[in-house]
């Protein structure tokens, strides 16, 4: 569908949820197999609208899995253009892809970099997951690099899983601080 605005023709796209990924690092005491406790810091990926929401979501998502005290030590924006999930995968691989376009005026090849994430068990499988996900893509691309990440899990936004009385990010953060103060 095309719309003419101020004599400029623009194509309208269907509005869909734009992912805003944040890498959150969580520090806690982990019980090792030999019974010893070790302080670990693990990265997770969260889909959120802001840094505040990212912190609240990671607290909410990992609270059931970590016994005892934990701290969100770092949050940074993760610039990912696409994620490819694979329920058989137990690792996440960051894949740098170059989209190749041809400049019609000069005839020169132009490469545009994009970072993507694929869930897989092996590096080879990560490439296969990416290629399967890119099947419908009309643009030419090349894979520049594939790197295994340290990500423990990815938490995409799911509008269907929002409970009726959900706490705000500020309420979750205040609740965590209050629990930490009570333990001291």
N, C-alpha and C. Protein backbone atom coordinates (compact mmCIF):
# COMPACT_ATOMS: atom_id res chain seq x y z
N UNK A 1 0.85 -1.17 0.00
CA UNK A 1 0.00 0.00 0.00
C UNK A 1 0.90 1.23 0.00
N UNK A 2 0.58 2.20 -0.83
CA UNK A 2 1.37 3.42 -0.94
C UNK A 2 0.52 4.63 -0.57
N UNK A 3 1.15 5.62 0.04
CA UNK A 3 0.47 6.85 0.43
C UNK A 3 1.30 8.02 -0.09
N UNK A 4 0.64 9.04 -0.62
CA UNK A 4 1.36 10.21 -1.09
C UNK A 4 1.24 11.30 -0.02
N UNK A 5 2.39 11.70 0.53
CA UNK A 5 2.44 12.76 1.53
C UNK A 5 3.36 13.85 1.01
N UNK A 6 2.85 15.07 0.93
CA UNK A 6 3.65 16.20 0.44
C UNK A 6 4.36 15.86 -0.87
N UNK A 7 3.63 15.23 -1.76
CA UNK A 7 4.13 14.83 -3.08
C UNK A 7 5.29 13.84 -3.03
N UNK A 8 5.47 13.19 -1.88
CA UNK A 8 6.49 12.17 -1.74
C UNK A 8 5.78 10.84 -1.53
N UNK A 9 6.16 9.86 -2.33
CA UNK A 9 5.51 8.56 -2.23
C UNK A 9 6.29 7.69 -1.24
N UNK A 10 5.62 7.19 -0.21
CA UNK A 10 6.28 6.33 0.76
C UNK A 10 5.48 5.05 0.93
N UNK A 11 6.16 3.99 1.20
CA UNK A 11 5.51 2.69 1.39
C UNK A 11 5.22 2.50 2.88
N UNK A 12 3.98 2.13 3.20
CA UNK A 12 3.61 1.86 4.59
C UNK A 12 3.92 0.41 4.93
N UNK A 13 4.50 0.19 6.08
CA UNK A 13 4.80 -1.16 6.55
C UNK A 13 3.79 -1.53 7.62
N UNK A 14 3.51 -2.82 7.72
CA UNK A 14 2.65 -3.28 8.80
C UNK A 14 3.39 -3.03 10.11
N UNK A 15 2.67 -2.49 11.09
CA UNK A 15 3.31 -2.22 12.38
C UNK A 15 3.39 -3.53 13.15
N UNK A 16 4.60 -3.88 13.55
CA UNK A 16 4.78 -5.06 14.38
C UNK A 16 5.69 -4.67 15.54
N UNK A 17 5.76 -5.52 16.53
CA UNK A 17 6.57 -5.25 17.72
C UNK A 17 8.04 -5.17 17.32
N UNK A 18 8.64 -4.03 17.56
CA UNK A 18 10.08 -3.88 17.31
C UNK A 18 10.81 -4.33 18.57
N UNK A 19 11.72 -5.24 18.39
CA UNK A 19 12.45 -5.75 19.55
C UNK A 19 13.54 -4.76 19.95
N UNK A 20 13.67 -4.60 21.24
CA UNK A 20 14.66 -3.73 21.84
C UNK A 20 15.41 -4.60 22.84
N UNK A 21 16.53 -5.16 22.42
CA UNK A 21 17.22 -6.14 23.24
C UNK A 21 18.23 -5.49 24.18
N UNK A 22 18.27 -6.02 25.41
CA UNK A 22 19.21 -5.56 26.42
C UNK A 22 19.94 -6.78 26.99
N UNK A 23 21.27 -6.66 27.10
CA UNK A 23 22.04 -7.72 27.75
C UNK A 23 22.16 -7.35 29.22
N UNK A 24 21.65 -8.22 30.08
CA UNK A 24 21.67 -7.99 31.53
C UNK A 24 22.59 -9.01 32.18
N UNK A 25 23.50 -8.53 33.02
CA UNK A 25 24.39 -9.43 33.75
C UNK A 25 23.90 -9.55 35.18
N UNK A 26 23.78 -10.80 35.63
CA UNK A 26 23.26 -11.09 36.96
C UNK A 26 24.34 -11.82 37.75
N UNK A 27 24.61 -11.32 38.95
CA UNK A 27 25.64 -11.89 39.82
C UNK A 27 24.95 -12.56 41.02
N UNK A 28 25.38 -13.79 41.32
CA UNK A 28 24.81 -14.51 42.46
C UNK A 28 25.75 -15.64 42.89
N UNK A 29 25.46 -16.23 44.05
CA UNK A 29 26.23 -17.36 44.57
C UNK A 29 25.62 -18.63 43.99
N UNK A 30 26.44 -19.37 43.23
CA UNK A 30 25.98 -20.59 42.57
C UNK A 30 26.53 -21.80 43.33
N UNK A 31 25.65 -22.79 43.53
CA UNK A 31 26.07 -24.02 44.19
C UNK A 31 26.70 -24.94 43.15
N UNK A 32 27.97 -25.27 43.34
CA UNK A 32 28.68 -26.15 42.41
C UNK A 32 28.36 -27.61 42.71
N UNK A 33 28.73 -28.49 41.78
CA UNK A 33 28.44 -29.91 41.95
C UNK A 33 29.14 -30.52 43.16
N UNK A 34 30.30 -29.96 43.55
CA UNK A 34 31.04 -30.49 44.71
C UNK A 34 30.53 -29.92 46.03
N UNK A 35 29.45 -29.12 46.00
CA UNK A 35 28.87 -28.57 47.22
C UNK A 35 29.39 -27.19 47.59
N UNK A 36 30.42 -26.73 46.93
CA UNK A 36 30.98 -25.41 47.20
C UNK A 36 30.13 -24.34 46.53
N UNK A 37 30.18 -23.13 47.11
CA UNK A 37 29.48 -22.00 46.50
C UNK A 37 30.49 -21.09 45.84
N UNK A 38 30.13 -20.59 44.66
CA UNK A 38 31.01 -19.71 43.91
C UNK A 38 30.19 -18.55 43.38
N UNK A 39 30.75 -17.34 43.48
CA UNK A 39 30.06 -16.16 42.96
C UNK A 39 30.26 -16.14 41.44
N UNK A 40 29.15 -16.11 40.71
CA UNK A 40 29.21 -16.09 39.24
C UNK A 40 28.42 -14.90 38.72
N UNK A 41 28.79 -14.45 37.52
CA UNK A 41 28.06 -13.40 36.83
C UNK A 41 27.69 -13.96 35.46
N UNK A 42 26.39 -14.02 35.20
CA UNK A 42 25.90 -14.62 33.96
C UNK A 42 25.11 -13.61 33.14
N UNK A 43 25.34 -13.59 31.82
CA UNK A 43 24.59 -12.67 30.96
C UNK A 43 23.29 -13.31 30.44
N UNK A 44 22.26 -12.47 30.34
CA UNK A 44 20.97 -12.87 29.79
C UNK A 44 20.53 -11.78 28.80
N UNK A 45 19.65 -12.15 27.88
CA UNK A 45 19.14 -11.19 26.91
C UNK A 45 17.65 -11.00 27.17
N UNK A 46 17.22 -9.73 27.28
CA UNK A 46 15.84 -9.41 27.60
C UNK A 46 15.30 -8.42 26.58
N UNK A 47 14.07 -8.62 26.17
CA UNK A 47 13.39 -7.69 25.27
C UNK A 47 12.59 -6.73 26.15
N UNK A 48 12.93 -5.44 26.09
CA UNK A 48 12.28 -4.44 26.94
C UNK A 48 12.26 -3.09 26.23
N UNK A 49 11.46 -2.18 26.75
CA UNK A 49 11.35 -0.85 26.15
C UNK A 49 12.39 0.13 26.67
N UNK A 50 12.90 -0.14 27.89
CA UNK A 50 13.86 0.79 28.50
C UNK A 50 14.80 0.01 29.42
N UNK A 51 15.83 0.70 29.90
CA UNK A 51 16.76 0.08 30.84
C UNK A 51 16.03 -0.31 32.13
N UNK A 52 15.12 0.53 32.58
CA UNK A 52 14.36 0.26 33.80
C UNK A 52 13.51 -0.99 33.65
N UNK A 53 12.83 -1.09 32.50
CA UNK A 53 12.00 -2.27 32.25
C UNK A 53 12.87 -3.52 32.09
N UNK A 54 14.04 -3.37 31.47
CA UNK A 54 14.96 -4.51 31.31
C UNK A 54 15.37 -5.05 32.68
N UNK A 55 15.69 -4.14 33.61
CA UNK A 55 16.06 -4.57 34.96
C UNK A 55 14.90 -5.28 35.64
N UNK A 56 13.72 -4.71 35.55
CA UNK A 56 12.54 -5.31 36.18
C UNK A 56 12.23 -6.68 35.56
N UNK A 57 12.34 -6.79 34.25
CA UNK A 57 12.03 -8.06 33.57
C UNK A 57 13.04 -9.15 33.92
N UNK A 58 14.33 -8.80 33.98
CA UNK A 58 15.33 -9.83 34.29
C UNK A 58 15.15 -10.30 35.73
N UNK A 59 14.82 -9.40 36.64
CA UNK A 59 14.56 -9.78 38.03
C UNK A 59 13.38 -10.75 38.08
N UNK A 60 12.32 -10.40 37.37
CA UNK A 60 11.11 -11.23 37.35
C UNK A 60 11.37 -12.60 36.71
N UNK A 61 12.16 -12.62 35.62
CA UNK A 61 12.40 -13.86 34.88
C UNK A 61 13.30 -14.84 35.62
N UNK A 62 14.35 -14.32 36.30
CA UNK A 62 15.30 -15.26 36.91
C UNK A 62 15.03 -15.54 38.39
N UNK A 63 14.17 -14.76 39.02
CA UNK A 63 13.87 -14.97 40.44
C UNK A 63 13.48 -16.42 40.75
N UNK A 64 12.65 -17.08 39.94
CA UNK A 64 12.28 -18.47 40.26
C UNK A 64 13.46 -19.46 40.17
N UNK A 65 14.53 -19.11 39.47
CA UNK A 65 15.62 -20.04 39.23
C UNK A 65 16.82 -19.86 40.14
N UNK A 66 16.88 -18.74 40.84
CA UNK A 66 18.03 -18.47 41.71
C UNK A 66 17.56 -18.39 43.15
N UNK A 67 18.15 -19.25 43.98
CA UNK A 67 17.82 -19.18 45.41
C UNK A 67 18.80 -18.23 46.07
N UNK A 68 18.30 -17.43 46.96
CA UNK A 68 19.18 -16.47 47.65
C UNK A 68 19.22 -15.13 46.93
N UNK A 69 20.22 -14.38 47.31
CA UNK A 69 20.36 -13.01 46.83
C UNK A 69 21.04 -12.98 45.47
N UNK A 70 20.60 -12.04 44.62
CA UNK A 70 21.28 -11.82 43.34
C UNK A 70 21.23 -10.34 43.02
N UNK A 71 22.14 -9.91 42.16
CA UNK A 71 22.25 -8.50 41.79
C UNK A 71 22.35 -8.37 40.29
N UNK A 72 21.64 -7.40 39.73
CA UNK A 72 21.79 -7.07 38.32
C UNK A 72 22.98 -6.11 38.27
N UNK A 73 24.11 -6.57 37.74
CA UNK A 73 25.35 -5.79 37.80
C UNK A 73 25.57 -4.91 36.57
N UNK A 74 24.94 -5.23 35.44
CA UNK A 74 25.16 -4.46 34.24
C UNK A 74 24.00 -4.64 33.27
N UNK A 75 23.65 -3.57 32.60
CA UNK A 75 22.64 -3.62 31.53
C UNK A 75 23.17 -2.79 30.39
N UNK A 76 23.21 -3.39 29.21
CA UNK A 76 23.62 -2.62 28.03
C UNK A 76 22.74 -3.02 26.84
N UNK A 77 22.58 -2.06 25.95
CA UNK A 77 21.76 -2.31 24.77
C UNK A 77 22.49 -3.29 23.86
N UNK A 78 21.76 -4.28 23.37
CA UNK A 78 22.33 -5.26 22.43
C UNK A 78 21.77 -4.94 21.05
N UNK A 79 22.61 -4.56 20.14
CA UNK A 79 22.18 -4.18 18.80
C UNK A 79 22.08 -5.42 17.92
N UNK A 80 20.91 -6.03 17.94
CA UNK A 80 20.65 -7.24 17.15
C UNK A 80 19.50 -6.96 16.20
N UNK A 81 19.70 -7.29 14.94
CA UNK A 81 18.63 -7.04 13.97
C UNK A 81 17.66 -8.20 13.89
N UNK A 82 18.10 -9.39 14.26
CA UNK A 82 17.24 -10.57 14.14
C UNK A 82 17.69 -11.66 15.09
N UNK A 83 16.72 -12.43 15.61
CA UNK A 83 17.01 -13.59 16.44
C UNK A 83 16.36 -14.81 15.82
N UNK A 84 17.09 -15.92 15.80
CA UNK A 84 16.56 -17.16 15.25
C UNK A 84 16.60 -18.21 16.36
N UNK A 85 15.40 -18.64 16.80
CA UNK A 85 15.30 -19.60 17.89
C UNK A 85 15.25 -21.02 17.34
N UNK A 86 15.78 -21.93 18.14
CA UNK A 86 15.82 -23.35 17.80
C UNK A 86 15.69 -24.08 19.13
N UNK A 87 14.56 -24.75 19.36
CA UNK A 87 14.33 -25.37 20.68
C UNK A 87 15.35 -26.45 21.02
N UNK A 88 16.06 -26.99 20.04
CA UNK A 88 17.08 -28.01 20.32
C UNK A 88 18.41 -27.38 20.76
N UNK A 89 18.59 -26.10 20.51
CA UNK A 89 19.86 -25.43 20.81
C UNK A 89 20.01 -25.12 22.29
N UNK A 90 21.25 -25.25 22.78
CA UNK A 90 21.51 -24.91 24.18
C UNK A 90 22.52 -23.77 24.31
N UNK A 91 22.94 -23.21 23.18
CA UNK A 91 23.87 -22.08 23.18
C UNK A 91 23.34 -21.02 22.22
N UNK A 92 23.93 -19.82 22.34
CA UNK A 92 23.56 -18.73 21.44
C UNK A 92 24.81 -18.25 20.71
N UNK A 93 24.68 -18.08 19.40
CA UNK A 93 25.79 -17.67 18.56
C UNK A 93 25.48 -16.32 17.93
N UNK A 94 26.41 -15.38 18.06
CA UNK A 94 26.27 -14.08 17.41
C UNK A 94 26.86 -14.21 16.01
N UNK A 95 26.06 -13.81 15.03
CA UNK A 95 26.48 -13.95 13.64
C UNK A 95 26.47 -12.57 12.98
N UNK A 96 27.62 -12.20 12.42
CA UNK A 96 27.72 -10.94 11.69
C UNK A 96 27.47 -11.24 10.22
N UNK A 97 26.49 -10.55 9.67
CA UNK A 97 26.08 -10.75 8.28
C UNK A 97 26.25 -9.45 7.52
N UNK A 98 26.75 -9.54 6.30
CA UNK A 98 26.81 -8.37 5.41
C UNK A 98 25.74 -8.53 4.34
N UNK A 99 24.82 -7.54 4.28
CA UNK A 99 23.86 -7.50 3.19
C UNK A 99 24.54 -6.77 2.03
N UNK A 100 24.45 -7.34 0.85
CA UNK A 100 25.13 -6.78 -0.31
C UNK A 100 24.11 -6.13 -1.23
N UNK A 101 24.31 -4.84 -1.48
CA UNK A 101 23.44 -4.10 -2.39
C UNK A 101 24.30 -3.47 -3.47
N UNK A 102 23.68 -3.15 -4.58
CA UNK A 102 24.39 -2.55 -5.70
C UNK A 102 23.96 -1.10 -5.82
N UNK A 103 24.92 -0.19 -5.77
CA UNK A 103 24.63 1.23 -5.96
C UNK A 103 24.36 1.44 -7.45
N UNK A 104 23.12 1.84 -7.77
CA UNK A 104 22.71 1.95 -9.17
C UNK A 104 23.46 3.05 -9.92
N UNK A 105 23.84 4.10 -9.23
CA UNK A 105 24.54 5.21 -9.89
C UNK A 105 25.98 4.85 -10.23
N UNK A 106 26.72 4.35 -9.22
CA UNK A 106 28.14 4.08 -9.44
C UNK A 106 28.40 2.64 -9.88
N UNK A 107 27.44 1.77 -9.63
CA UNK A 107 27.62 0.36 -9.97
C UNK A 107 28.47 -0.39 -8.96
N UNK A 108 28.82 0.27 -7.85
CA UNK A 108 29.67 -0.35 -6.83
C UNK A 108 28.84 -1.19 -5.87
N UNK A 109 29.48 -2.24 -5.35
CA UNK A 109 28.86 -3.09 -4.35
C UNK A 109 28.95 -2.42 -2.99
N UNK A 110 27.83 -2.43 -2.25
CA UNK A 110 27.82 -1.83 -0.92
C UNK A 110 27.46 -2.92 0.09
N UNK A 111 28.24 -3.00 1.17
CA UNK A 111 27.99 -3.98 2.22
C UNK A 111 27.47 -3.28 3.47
N UNK A 112 26.35 -3.78 3.99
CA UNK A 112 25.77 -3.24 5.21
C UNK A 112 25.79 -4.33 6.27
N UNK A 113 26.46 -4.08 7.39
CA UNK A 113 26.60 -5.09 8.45
C UNK A 113 25.35 -5.17 9.30
N UNK A 114 25.06 -6.38 9.76
CA UNK A 114 23.94 -6.62 10.68
C UNK A 114 24.37 -7.73 11.64
N UNK A 115 24.03 -7.56 12.92
CA UNK A 115 24.31 -8.57 13.94
C UNK A 115 23.06 -9.38 14.19
N UNK A 116 23.18 -10.69 14.19
CA UNK A 116 22.04 -11.58 14.44
C UNK A 116 22.43 -12.59 15.49
N UNK A 117 21.43 -13.23 16.08
CA UNK A 117 21.67 -14.23 17.11
C UNK A 117 20.94 -15.50 16.71
N UNK A 118 21.64 -16.64 16.78
CA UNK A 118 21.03 -17.93 16.46
C UNK A 118 21.23 -18.87 17.64
N UNK A 119 20.17 -19.58 17.98
CA UNK A 119 20.23 -20.57 19.05
C UNK A 119 20.54 -21.92 18.42
N UNK A 120 21.58 -22.58 18.90
CA UNK A 120 21.99 -23.85 18.31
C UNK A 120 22.87 -24.62 19.29
N UNK A 121 23.19 -25.85 18.93
CA UNK A 121 24.07 -26.68 19.75
C UNK A 121 25.52 -26.56 19.29
N UNK A 122 25.71 -26.40 17.98
CA UNK A 122 27.06 -26.29 17.43
C UNK A 122 27.14 -25.09 16.50
N UNK A 123 28.37 -24.70 16.17
CA UNK A 123 28.60 -23.59 15.25
C UNK A 123 27.98 -23.90 13.88
N UNK A 124 28.16 -25.11 13.41
CA UNK A 124 27.61 -25.53 12.12
C UNK A 124 26.08 -25.43 12.11
N UNK A 125 25.48 -25.86 13.22
CA UNK A 125 24.02 -25.80 13.34
C UNK A 125 23.55 -24.34 13.39
N UNK A 126 24.34 -23.46 14.01
CA UNK A 126 23.98 -22.04 14.08
C UNK A 126 23.88 -21.44 12.67
N UNK A 127 24.83 -21.81 11.81
CA UNK A 127 24.79 -21.33 10.43
C UNK A 127 23.56 -21.87 9.72
N UNK A 128 23.24 -23.14 9.95
CA UNK A 128 22.05 -23.75 9.33
C UNK A 128 20.77 -23.08 9.82
N UNK A 129 20.70 -22.76 11.13
CA UNK A 129 19.53 -22.08 11.70
C UNK A 129 19.37 -20.69 11.07
N UNK A 130 20.49 -19.96 10.92
CA UNK A 130 20.46 -18.65 10.28
C UNK A 130 20.00 -18.76 8.83
N UNK A 131 20.58 -19.68 8.09
CA UNK A 131 20.23 -19.83 6.67
C UNK A 131 18.78 -20.24 6.50
N UNK A 132 18.27 -21.08 7.40
CA UNK A 132 16.86 -21.46 7.35
C UNK A 132 15.96 -20.25 7.62
N UNK A 133 16.35 -19.43 8.59
CA UNK A 133 15.59 -18.24 8.92
C UNK A 133 15.65 -17.17 7.85
N UNK A 134 16.70 -17.18 7.04
CA UNK A 134 16.89 -16.16 6.00
C UNK A 134 16.35 -16.61 4.64
N UNK A 135 15.70 -17.77 4.57
CA UNK A 135 15.22 -18.32 3.29
C UNK A 135 14.34 -17.36 2.50
N UNK A 136 13.47 -16.62 3.17
CA UNK A 136 12.57 -15.72 2.47
C UNK A 136 13.18 -14.38 2.10
N UNK A 137 14.44 -14.16 2.48
CA UNK A 137 15.08 -12.88 2.25
C UNK A 137 15.47 -12.73 0.79
N UNK A 138 15.10 -11.60 0.21
CA UNK A 138 15.44 -11.35 -1.18
C UNK A 138 16.84 -10.77 -1.33
N UNK A 139 17.35 -10.15 -0.28
CA UNK A 139 18.66 -9.51 -0.34
C UNK A 139 19.77 -10.55 -0.33
N UNK A 140 20.85 -10.26 -1.06
CA UNK A 140 22.03 -11.11 -1.00
C UNK A 140 22.77 -10.80 0.29
N UNK A 141 23.37 -11.83 0.88
CA UNK A 141 24.13 -11.62 2.11
C UNK A 141 25.28 -12.61 2.18
N UNK A 142 26.27 -12.25 2.98
CA UNK A 142 27.36 -13.17 3.27
C UNK A 142 27.56 -13.18 4.79
N UNK A 143 28.00 -14.33 5.29
CA UNK A 143 28.27 -14.46 6.72
C UNK A 143 29.73 -14.07 6.95
N UNK A 144 29.95 -13.05 7.76
CA UNK A 144 31.31 -12.56 8.02
C UNK A 144 31.95 -13.29 9.20
N UNK A 145 31.16 -13.55 10.25
CA UNK A 145 31.71 -14.23 11.43
C UNK A 145 30.60 -14.88 12.25
N UNK A 146 30.98 -15.93 12.96
CA UNK A 146 30.07 -16.63 13.88
C UNK A 146 30.84 -16.82 15.18
N UNK A 147 30.28 -16.32 16.29
CA UNK A 147 30.95 -16.38 17.58
C UNK A 147 29.99 -16.93 18.63
N UNK A 148 30.45 -17.89 19.40
CA UNK A 148 29.63 -18.40 20.50
C UNK A 148 29.58 -17.35 21.59
N UNK A 149 28.40 -17.06 22.12
CA UNK A 149 28.26 -16.08 23.20
C UNK A 149 28.20 -16.81 24.54
N UNK A 150 28.26 -16.03 25.61
CA UNK A 150 28.14 -16.58 26.96
C UNK A 150 26.70 -16.51 27.47
N UNK A 151 25.75 -16.05 26.62
CA UNK A 151 24.37 -15.88 27.05
C UNK A 151 23.80 -17.17 27.62
N UNK A 152 23.16 -17.05 28.77
CA UNK A 152 22.55 -18.21 29.42
C UNK A 152 21.13 -18.46 28.90
N UNK A 153 20.40 -17.38 28.62
CA UNK A 153 19.02 -17.51 28.14
C UNK A 153 18.56 -16.20 27.52
N UNK A 154 17.50 -16.28 26.74
CA UNK A 154 16.92 -15.12 26.08
C UNK A 154 15.45 -15.06 26.47
N UNK A 155 14.99 -13.85 26.86
CA UNK A 155 13.61 -13.67 27.28
C UNK A 155 12.92 -12.67 26.35
N UNK A 156 12.26 -13.18 25.28
CA UNK A 156 11.54 -12.27 24.39
C UNK A 156 10.27 -11.75 25.07
N UNK A 157 9.77 -10.63 24.57
CA UNK A 157 8.53 -10.05 25.09
C UNK A 157 7.37 -10.88 24.57
N UNK A 158 6.42 -11.20 25.46
CA UNK A 158 5.23 -11.95 25.07
C UNK A 158 4.02 -11.24 25.66
N UNK A 159 3.26 -10.56 24.80
CA UNK A 159 2.10 -9.78 25.25
C UNK A 159 1.05 -10.66 25.89
N UNK A 160 1.00 -11.94 25.53
CA UNK A 160 -0.01 -12.85 26.08
C UNK A 160 0.31 -13.30 27.50
N UNK A 161 1.54 -13.12 27.94
CA UNK A 161 1.92 -13.61 29.27
C UNK A 161 1.91 -12.51 30.34
N UNK A 162 1.34 -11.36 30.02
CA UNK A 162 1.30 -10.27 31.00
C UNK A 162 0.15 -10.53 31.96
N UNK A 163 0.43 -10.72 33.25
CA UNK A 163 -0.64 -10.95 34.22
C UNK A 163 -1.45 -9.67 34.44
N UNK A 164 -2.64 -9.83 35.00
CA UNK A 164 -3.55 -8.71 35.21
C UNK A 164 -2.97 -7.61 36.08
N UNK A 165 -2.40 -7.96 37.23
CA UNK A 165 -1.86 -6.96 38.15
C UNK A 165 -0.34 -7.03 38.16
N UNK A 166 0.25 -6.66 37.07
CA UNK A 166 1.71 -6.71 36.95
C UNK A 166 2.33 -5.53 37.67
N UNK A 167 3.42 -5.78 38.37
CA UNK A 167 4.12 -4.72 39.09
C UNK A 167 4.96 -3.92 38.11
N UNK A 168 5.09 -2.64 38.39
CA UNK A 168 5.91 -1.79 37.53
C UNK A 168 7.38 -2.07 37.81
N UNK A 169 8.25 -1.61 36.91
CA UNK A 169 9.69 -1.79 37.07
C UNK A 169 10.17 -1.20 38.37
N UNK A 170 9.66 -0.02 38.70
CA UNK A 170 10.08 0.65 39.93
C UNK A 170 9.66 -0.16 41.16
N UNK A 171 8.45 -0.76 41.12
CA UNK A 171 7.97 -1.57 42.25
C UNK A 171 8.84 -2.81 42.44
N UNK A 172 9.22 -3.48 41.33
CA UNK A 172 10.08 -4.67 41.43
C UNK A 172 11.45 -4.33 41.97
N UNK A 173 12.01 -3.21 41.52
CA UNK A 173 13.33 -2.79 41.99
C UNK A 173 13.27 -2.42 43.47
N UNK A 174 12.24 -1.67 43.88
CA UNK A 174 12.08 -1.30 45.28
C UNK A 174 11.90 -2.55 46.16
N UNK A 175 11.15 -3.54 45.64
CA UNK A 175 10.94 -4.78 46.38
C UNK A 175 12.25 -5.54 46.58
N UNK A 176 13.08 -5.59 45.53
CA UNK A 176 14.37 -6.28 45.63
C UNK A 176 15.29 -5.56 46.63
N UNK A 177 15.31 -4.21 46.59
CA UNK A 177 16.15 -3.45 47.51
C UNK A 177 15.69 -3.67 48.96
N UNK A 178 14.36 -3.70 49.16
CA UNK A 178 13.81 -3.90 50.49
C UNK A 178 14.20 -5.30 51.03
N UNK A 179 14.13 -6.31 50.17
CA UNK A 179 14.54 -7.66 50.58
C UNK A 179 16.01 -7.72 50.93
N UNK A 180 16.84 -7.01 50.18
CA UNK A 180 18.28 -6.99 50.43
C UNK A 180 18.58 -6.31 51.77
N UNK A 181 17.84 -5.21 52.07
CA UNK A 181 18.04 -4.49 53.33
C UNK A 181 17.63 -5.35 54.53
N UNK A 182 16.57 -6.15 54.36
CA UNK A 182 16.08 -6.99 55.45
C UNK A 182 17.08 -8.11 55.77
N UNK A 183 17.87 -8.54 54.78
CA UNK A 183 18.83 -9.62 55.00
C UNK A 183 20.06 -9.13 55.75
N UNK A 184 20.33 -7.82 55.69
CA UNK A 184 21.55 -7.25 56.31
C UNK A 184 21.40 -7.07 57.78
